Structure formats: structure tokens, C-alpha cells
Amino acid sequence: MKSFNYWLAFFFITTLYSCGEDTIVDSQQPTDSITANTLTIHFDHTVDGQGIIYNDIRYQNEAGNKYSIMTLRYFISDIRLHSYSGSVVKIDTFHYRDIDIPETRSLVVKDVPNGQYNYISFIFGLDSIKNKDFALPPTQDYNNMEWPIPMGGGYHYMKFEGRYILAAGDTGSFNTHTGRLKTMDGKIHENFIHIKLPYSAFEVKDDNWEMQVYMNLNEWYRNPHQYDINNYGPAIMNNQQAQQQLKENGADAFSLGFINRF
């Protein structure tokens, strides 16, 4: 109970303070609360330019796997706004995205300092500080993202699930689940991903901004590793080779859709 209360306070108390070169903005705001100097980030999805259509085996990855999309849920955390001067605005919060829940599409950050920002970065998943057992409020959504304690505990970073055509021609299920893994040798592999979003420069000057961030689902299976679903089967949570390949591939999964002043 003490651990839950501590982390609940950590995630949801909103503060603004500065520390040396860095400014900390700890803020996760509902999308109907818009004030001056907000940054609204929309998280959307594509498969090599195609829109997302549920339960239709219409997509194909680099390895030739034909697949459908049934579930897509993930965490984004530790967003950073990097200025041309070298200072960094740290948005110390997390965002849960579920394509079944339209309200999770957007994160609104309030009280963004004026400045010229060169690019933004974030963590895909949760770092070792935030990713604690039972740290998040016990909602059904967060409970469904829990990662088994014997495998490392904390939460899934992503649940990407669907159906695909097996090598034999039948259909089967796949679960592209990522998270922290404790291997048999006792080593902890954090497996979260540092994402740098190119071409995301903007200047805040007593105004509001919105940004669209795309995840291309096929990038999880493409570069630098051609990830063949047939090689790993439906269960990869206890497979660090699969987790490592997805970690390395995921570094290229995100791109900027648009960025506008509004």
C-alpha cells in the first residue's frame, strides 16, 4: 500500500520547477483543459501508410508474414523537449495509449516554457524508476498491462496482437509483447526504447501547439532485423532474443505526422 501511494503521487502531482539547465514539467492533463503554452501530442498509427482496420488479414511485413491487428496498447513516458541552446524541458509523466479507447489518443502538456525547440524525444515503455510492480492505479486497463513478476515484473510496454497466416497456410495468433525481462541467469533486461523524433522543431511563444506522432507497425518487424513471426510463435515474453530485436527495430517505428500552432 505504501508503494502504491508513493507512485500514485509521483505520477499525478503536477509541479513545475527548474534545475540547472533542465526544466521539469510533471503534467498529464485531460484534453478538455487547454490554457496558454500547451503542447497536445496525438499518437496515431499506420502500416506503411495504410490505415488501421481491425481483424482483417490485409497487412504484410518484411518477412512476408500476412497479419491482422486486433489489439494495440502501449506506454509512452519521459517526453523531452530539446532546445537549440542545449537545455531540456523534461515532461516527467507517462501516457497510456489504447487504439480501442479514443480518449487515449492525445496527451496535453500544460505550462510549456517559451523557447525554440530543436526536437522532442521520449521513452517507449517505462524506465526502471517508473516500472514498478503495482505502481499504477489499479484500473482494469493498467492491470491488463501487468508483466509477470517472475519474468521481471512491472508492466508491458506494448501489447500488439492479431492473427497471421502460418507457413502451412492455416491461421494462428501472434502476441508482440514487449517489456522488462529477467532471464534465467538473473540478469534484468530493461528493454525500453529511447526515441528521438526527427524534424520536430517548433518555437513556443505564449501560444499553443499540437503534434501528431505516427507509429508504423511494420517497423517493429523490419530494421535492423527482419523479424519473422513464424520463428518466435505467439509467446515471446520470456524470449530475450525476440525482445532485443524488437527493441532495436522499434527505434525507427515513430515519425512526425504534423506540427502546428493553434
Protein backbone atom coordinates (compact mmCIF):
# COMPACT_ATOMS: atom_id res chain seq x y z
CA MET A 1 0.00 0.00 0.00
CA LYS A 2 2.84 2.40 0.78
CA SER A 3 4.40 1.67 -2.61
CA PHE A 4 1.09 2.27 -4.41
CA ASN A 5 0.50 5.59 -2.62
CA TYR A 6 4.02 6.75 -3.42
CA TRP A 7 3.79 6.03 -7.13
CA LEU A 8 0.27 7.36 -7.42
CA ALA A 9 1.53 10.65 -6.05
CA PHE A 10 4.58 10.53 -8.32
CA PHE A 11 2.55 10.23 -11.50
CA PHE A 12 -0.32 12.59 -10.79
CA ILE A 13 1.02 15.52 -8.70
CA THR A 14 1.57 18.37 -11.12
CA THR A 15 4.58 20.60 -10.48
CA LEU A 16 6.78 22.97 -12.42
CA TYR A 17 10.31 23.76 -11.32
CA SER A 18 13.76 24.31 -12.78
CA CYS A 19 17.06 22.60 -12.01
CA GLY A 20 20.22 23.90 -13.64
CA GLU A 21 19.91 23.59 -17.41
CA ASP A 22 16.75 21.45 -17.25
CA THR A 23 13.15 22.42 -16.63
CA ILE A 24 10.86 19.75 -15.22
CA VAL A 25 7.22 19.74 -16.28
CA ASP A 26 5.34 16.97 -14.46
CA SER A 27 1.98 17.19 -16.19
CA GLN A 28 -0.59 14.83 -17.66
CA GLN A 29 -3.72 16.83 -18.42
CA PRO A 30 -7.15 15.93 -19.81
CA THR A 31 -7.71 17.06 -23.37
CA ASP A 32 -10.52 19.45 -22.40
CA SER A 33 -8.19 21.56 -20.26
CA ILE A 34 -6.43 23.95 -22.67
CA THR A 35 -4.53 27.01 -21.43
CA ALA A 36 -1.66 29.12 -22.77
CA ASN A 37 1.53 27.30 -23.72
CA THR A 38 0.15 23.81 -24.14
CA LEU A 39 1.57 21.05 -26.29
CA THR A 40 -1.00 18.47 -27.43
CA ILE A 41 0.54 15.26 -28.74
CA HIS A 42 -1.65 12.90 -30.80
CA PHE A 43 -0.50 9.28 -31.09
CA ASP A 44 -1.70 7.68 -34.33
CA HIS A 45 -0.81 4.54 -36.29
CA THR A 46 -0.16 3.27 -39.77
CA VAL A 47 1.14 0.18 -41.57
CA ASP A 48 3.42 1.59 -44.27
CA GLY A 49 0.90 4.34 -44.99
CA GLN A 50 -2.22 2.19 -44.67
CA GLY A 51 -4.85 2.97 -42.07
CA ILE A 52 -5.70 0.59 -39.26
CA ILE A 53 -8.61 -1.77 -39.98
CA TYR A 54 -9.41 -4.33 -37.33
CA ASN A 55 -9.49 -8.11 -37.74
CA ASP A 56 -8.60 -8.13 -41.41
CA ILE A 57 -5.52 -10.06 -42.59
CA ARG A 58 -4.56 -7.34 -45.04
CA TYR A 59 -1.09 -6.32 -43.87
CA GLN A 60 2.28 -7.85 -44.71
CA ASN A 61 5.63 -7.31 -43.02
CA GLU A 62 9.18 -7.52 -44.37
CA ALA A 63 9.43 -11.27 -43.66
CA GLY A 64 6.27 -11.91 -45.68
CA ASN A 65 4.00 -12.53 -42.69
CA LYS A 66 0.42 -11.61 -43.58
CA TYR A 67 -1.36 -10.43 -40.46
CA SER A 68 -4.29 -8.61 -38.89
CA ILE A 69 -4.48 -6.17 -35.98
CA MET A 70 -6.69 -6.98 -33.02
CA THR A 71 -5.02 -5.18 -30.09
CA LEU A 72 -2.59 -2.28 -29.77
CA ARG A 73 -1.79 -0.85 -26.33
CA TYR A 74 1.40 0.78 -25.11
CA PHE A 75 3.06 3.31 -22.80
CA ILE A 76 4.94 6.49 -23.68
CA SER A 77 6.91 8.25 -20.94
CA ASP A 78 9.61 10.81 -20.16
CA ILE A 79 8.98 13.17 -23.06
CA ARG A 80 11.82 15.68 -23.55
CA LEU A 81 11.82 18.97 -25.45
CA HIS A 82 15.38 19.71 -26.59
CA SER A 83 16.20 23.36 -27.27
CA TYR A 84 18.77 24.70 -29.70
CA SER A 85 20.72 26.08 -26.72
CA GLY A 86 21.17 22.60 -25.29
CA SER A 87 18.71 22.91 -22.41
CA VAL A 88 15.99 20.32 -22.00
CA VAL A 89 12.39 20.51 -20.81
CA LYS A 90 11.58 17.22 -19.08
CA ILE A 91 7.91 16.19 -19.08
CA ASP A 92 8.01 13.66 -16.28
CA THR A 93 4.79 11.78 -16.83
CA PHE A 94 3.54 8.74 -18.73
CA HIS A 95 0.82 8.23 -21.31
CA TYR A 96 -1.20 5.07 -21.92
CA ARG A 97 -2.43 4.57 -25.49
CA ASP A 98 -5.08 2.03 -26.50
CA ILE A 99 -6.49 2.22 -30.01
CA ASP A 100 -9.78 0.87 -28.62
CA ILE A 101 -10.11 3.95 -26.38
CA PRO A 102 -10.31 7.21 -28.39
CA GLU A 103 -9.73 9.29 -25.25
CA THR A 104 -6.18 7.92 -25.03
CA ARG A 105 -5.18 9.35 -28.41
CA SER A 106 -3.93 12.66 -27.05
CA LEU A 107 -1.70 13.86 -24.25
CA VAL A 108 -1.96 17.55 -23.30
CA VAL A 109 1.03 19.09 -21.55
CA LYS A 110 0.41 22.45 -19.87
CA ASP A 111 2.81 25.25 -18.98
CA VAL A 112 5.40 24.52 -21.63
CA PRO A 113 8.15 27.18 -21.29
CA ASN A 114 8.68 29.62 -24.12
CA GLY A 115 11.62 28.61 -26.28
CA GLN A 116 12.94 27.33 -29.58
CA TYR A 117 12.92 23.56 -29.58
CA ASN A 118 15.04 21.55 -31.96
CA TYR A 119 13.39 18.16 -31.48
CA ILE A 120 11.48 16.01 -29.00
CA SER A 121 12.36 12.63 -27.56
CA PHE A 122 10.58 10.13 -25.35
CA ILE A 123 10.79 6.64 -23.93
CA PHE A 124 8.72 3.88 -25.44
CA GLY A 125 7.65 1.95 -22.37
CA LEU A 126 8.59 2.80 -18.79
CA ASP A 127 12.08 3.21 -17.38
CA SER A 128 13.35 1.32 -14.34
CA ILE A 129 12.19 4.07 -11.97
CA LYS A 130 8.57 4.13 -13.15
CA ASN A 131 8.25 0.44 -13.99
CA LYS A 132 7.49 -0.96 -10.53
CA ASP A 133 5.14 -3.76 -9.53
CA PHE A 134 1.60 -2.45 -8.87
CA ALA A 135 2.82 1.16 -9.20
CA LEU A 136 -0.06 2.36 -11.37
CA PRO A 137 -3.64 2.86 -10.17
CA PRO A 138 -5.49 -0.50 -10.13
CA THR A 139 -7.72 0.18 -13.12
CA GLN A 140 -8.66 -2.62 -15.49
CA ASP A 141 -6.58 -1.08 -18.28
CA TYR A 142 -3.40 -0.88 -16.20
CA ASN A 143 -3.98 -4.25 -14.57
CA ASN A 144 -4.22 -5.80 -18.02
CA MET A 145 -0.78 -4.40 -18.80
CA GLU A 146 0.95 -6.01 -15.81
CA TRP A 147 4.04 -8.08 -16.62
CA PRO A 148 4.56 -11.34 -14.66
CA ILE A 149 6.74 -10.79 -11.60
CA PRO A 150 8.86 -13.95 -12.21
CA MET A 151 9.74 -12.54 -15.66
CA GLY A 152 10.81 -9.15 -14.30
CA GLY A 153 7.61 -7.53 -13.09
CA GLY A 154 6.24 -4.07 -13.76
CA TYR A 155 4.17 -3.55 -16.89
CA HIS A 156 4.09 -4.45 -20.56
CA TYR A 157 5.49 -1.68 -22.71
CA MET A 158 3.36 -2.84 -25.62
CA LYS A 159 0.67 -5.37 -26.45
CA PHE A 160 0.38 -5.71 -30.23
CA GLU A 161 -1.76 -8.74 -31.08
CA GLY A 162 -3.52 -10.22 -34.06
CA ARG A 163 -3.89 -13.18 -36.40
CA TYR A 164 -1.49 -14.24 -39.15
CA ILE A 165 -1.16 -16.84 -41.86
CA LEU A 166 1.10 -19.67 -40.76
CA ALA A 167 3.73 -21.18 -43.03
CA ALA A 168 1.42 -24.15 -43.59
CA GLY A 169 -1.38 -21.86 -44.73
CA ASP A 170 -3.56 -22.03 -41.63
CA THR A 171 -4.12 -19.00 -39.38
CA GLY A 172 -2.71 -18.55 -35.91
CA SER A 173 -2.36 -15.89 -33.25
CA PHE A 174 0.66 -13.70 -32.57
CA ASN A 175 1.44 -11.60 -29.49
CA THR A 176 4.12 -8.97 -30.00
CA HIS A 177 4.50 -8.18 -26.31
CA THR A 178 7.44 -6.12 -25.07
CA GLY A 179 8.63 -5.39 -21.54
CA ARG A 180 11.36 -5.86 -18.97
CA LEU A 181 12.71 -9.41 -18.81
CA LYS A 182 14.56 -11.23 -16.06
CA THR A 183 16.43 -14.07 -17.74
CA MET A 184 17.40 -17.40 -16.21
CA ASP A 185 20.87 -16.08 -15.31
CA GLY A 186 19.23 -13.44 -13.10
CA LYS A 187 20.07 -10.53 -15.41
CA ILE A 188 17.49 -7.78 -15.87
CA HIS A 189 16.96 -6.53 -19.43
CA GLU A 190 15.01 -3.28 -19.23
CA ASN A 191 14.16 -3.27 -22.99
CA PHE A 192 12.53 0.19 -23.03
CA ILE A 193 13.43 2.30 -26.07
CA HIS A 194 14.78 5.85 -26.31
CA ILE A 195 13.04 7.51 -29.28
CA LYS A 196 14.34 10.68 -30.94
CA LEU A 197 11.73 12.22 -33.23
CA PRO A 198 13.35 13.91 -36.25
CA TYR A 199 12.04 17.06 -37.91
CA SER A 200 10.10 18.06 -34.79
CA ALA A 201 11.38 21.62 -34.31
CA PHE A 202 8.97 24.32 -33.10
CA GLU A 203 9.00 27.59 -31.17
CA VAL A 204 6.71 28.28 -28.21
CA LYS A 205 5.99 31.95 -27.70
CA ASP A 206 2.93 32.43 -25.50
CA ASP A 207 0.89 30.09 -27.68
CA ASN A 208 -0.39 26.54 -28.06
CA TRP A 209 0.90 23.74 -30.27
CA GLU A 210 -0.25 20.33 -31.43
CA MET A 211 1.82 17.49 -32.81
CA GLN A 212 0.94 14.20 -34.45
CA VAL A 213 3.25 11.24 -33.81
CA TYR A 214 2.85 8.17 -36.02
CA MET A 215 3.81 4.62 -35.13
CA ASN A 216 4.41 2.47 -38.22
CA LEU A 217 3.61 -1.05 -37.06
CA ASN A 218 5.67 -2.69 -39.79
CA GLU A 219 8.82 -1.04 -38.43
CA TRP A 220 8.71 -3.42 -35.48
CA TYR A 221 9.46 -6.20 -37.94
CA ARG A 222 11.88 -4.55 -40.36
CA ASN A 223 15.12 -2.83 -39.42
CA PRO A 224 17.81 -3.73 -38.48
CA HIS A 225 16.31 -7.21 -38.01
CA GLN A 226 13.86 -8.92 -40.31
CA TYR A 227 11.53 -10.29 -37.66
CA ASP A 228 9.63 -13.38 -38.79
CA ILE A 229 6.63 -14.15 -36.61
CA ASN A 230 6.94 -17.82 -37.57
CA ASN A 231 10.34 -18.01 -35.86
CA TYR A 232 9.04 -16.90 -32.47
CA GLY A 233 5.46 -18.08 -32.24
CA PRO A 234 2.75 -16.44 -30.17
CA ALA A 235 4.65 -16.22 -26.85
CA ILE A 236 7.80 -14.04 -26.73
CA MET A 237 7.63 -12.52 -23.26
CA ASN A 238 10.30 -14.91 -21.98
CA ASN A 239 12.49 -14.68 -25.09
CA GLN A 240 15.19 -12.03 -24.78
CA GLN A 241 16.38 -12.54 -28.35
CA ALA A 242 12.93 -11.56 -29.60
CA GLN A 243 12.73 -8.69 -27.08
CA GLN A 244 16.14 -7.38 -28.17
CA GLN A 245 15.25 -7.47 -31.85
CA LEU A 246 12.02 -5.60 -31.21
CA LYS A 247 13.86 -3.06 -29.06
CA GLU A 248 16.32 -2.36 -31.86
CA ASN A 249 13.66 -2.32 -34.57
CA GLY A 250 11.37 -0.06 -32.53
CA ALA A 251 13.85 2.80 -32.56
CA ASP A 252 12.62 3.60 -36.11
CA ALA A 253 8.93 2.97 -35.52
CA PHE A 254 7.94 6.60 -34.85
CA SER A 255 7.80 9.63 -37.12
CA LEU A 256 6.26 13.10 -37.13
CA GLY A 257 2.92 13.48 -38.87
CA PHE A 258 2.44 17.23 -38.42
CA ILE A 259 3.26 20.01 -36.00
CA ASN A 260 1.13 23.16 -35.90
CA ARG A 261 0.49 26.25 -33.85
CA PHE A 262 -3.20 26.62 -32.95
